[in-house]
Amino acid sequence: MGAPPLVSVVIPTHDRWELLPSTLATVLGQRDVDLEVLVVDDGSATSGSRLPNDPRLRLLRHGSARGVAAARNSGLASARGRYVAFVDDDDLFAPDKLALQVAALRSEGAGWACCGAVLVDHDLRVISPQPEPPAGEVADQLLVINPIPGGGSGVLAETSLVRRVGGYDPSFSMFADWDLWVRLALQSPLAAVARPLLAYRLHAGAMSWRHAGTREEIVSFERKHAHVLSDRGLAVDRAQLELWMAGRRQRSGERVGPAMGFLRSAPLIGRQRSVSRALEAFLWPGAYRYRDRRWGRRLREDWRVELDDWLPQAARAERLRLRPPQQERGRKTSPELVGSDVGGDTPGGSVPEVITRSR
């Protein structure tokens, strides 16, 4: 199969083929970096036409849905690159995201790197910038709250490091990224590129809005990391998490859930403000649109200029239409990978089917 690429990019997807084209376009369009792209179909029910016939692209398929963490682990098991990056199937990379992160990681002597990110809506309009990415020794920060912008899409790491810490924990859904970042931070400092290299999409189907079981995951996170939290005299910032969850639930059109969440965030934002936000969420559920416009005006001018340089191109790619590939009858494929995943077999006890692109 030739020399291994520098970077492996893993894209898990499940029945969201209408969103994948623009994500793939921004990943395959990366500049100054040799890469492979591993699309992991996590048991999609839909079918249709082909993925792009690009020699850098491979498709892995789970026979049934096993969750995004397991899908990422399957991609990690297949990754041949020295570095690995993960991206959700609706997020978008700036053209030089990976090259800049590799350069930052190498210059800082770090094992992983993050970048700046902006939130965008379904039509790729900028909602707001995410907080500036942290750098250096960030384990203490991460044990309290997750400050890494861009969810699972903002990080590039040494493949060997991600494998060494155990990859993604499939018992987590909402906080699988956060849990992995903690384990990476306990092993290595973090490099950061403080530029808007990722567009992180918020829409009604986004995973970040699925709040069911979130509090149970917080408890699981605290239990898993109880020893290191105790040793460092730290505690998870529950008020900050309540504020975050309330905002996400408000976007999904709920009233009572967000209102209760804002009330529980009083230790962070104060009683008066928490009551005000709770009443707003209950009586004016669309208030987040006003907040979006206000936050959008806080975008730094240098970030605005850089985003204007690449985000419109990604928006044009939205006009593409893509459906999942079918394995051709009678044609054999020769999977390169299969057999070793993080800690042994692929999570779930089965190896994903691998379909290579016809040349």
Foldseek 3Di string as FASTA:
>chain_A
DDDAWAEEEEEEDAQPQLQQQLAVVQVVLAPPGGYAYEYEYQQHPDFDAADDQDQRYWYWYDVHHLADQLSVLLSLLFHPHQKYAYDYRNKHFFNHLVVVFVVQCVVVVWFKEFEWAFEAEPLRDTLATQDFADWFLCLQVLQAPDRGPDQRGGMMGGSVLCLVLQGFDSVDHLCRRSLSVNSRSVPTIYGYHYAHGMYHYDDLPDSNLPCVCVVVVQVVSCVVCVVVCVVVVHHHNVLVVLQSNLVSPLRNVDQQSSLVSLCSNCVPVHNVVSNVRNVCSNVPSPCVSVVSVVNHVVDDPVNVVSCVVGSVVSSVSSPDGGGYHDDDPPDDDDDDGWFQTRPGHRPPPDRTDMDRRDD
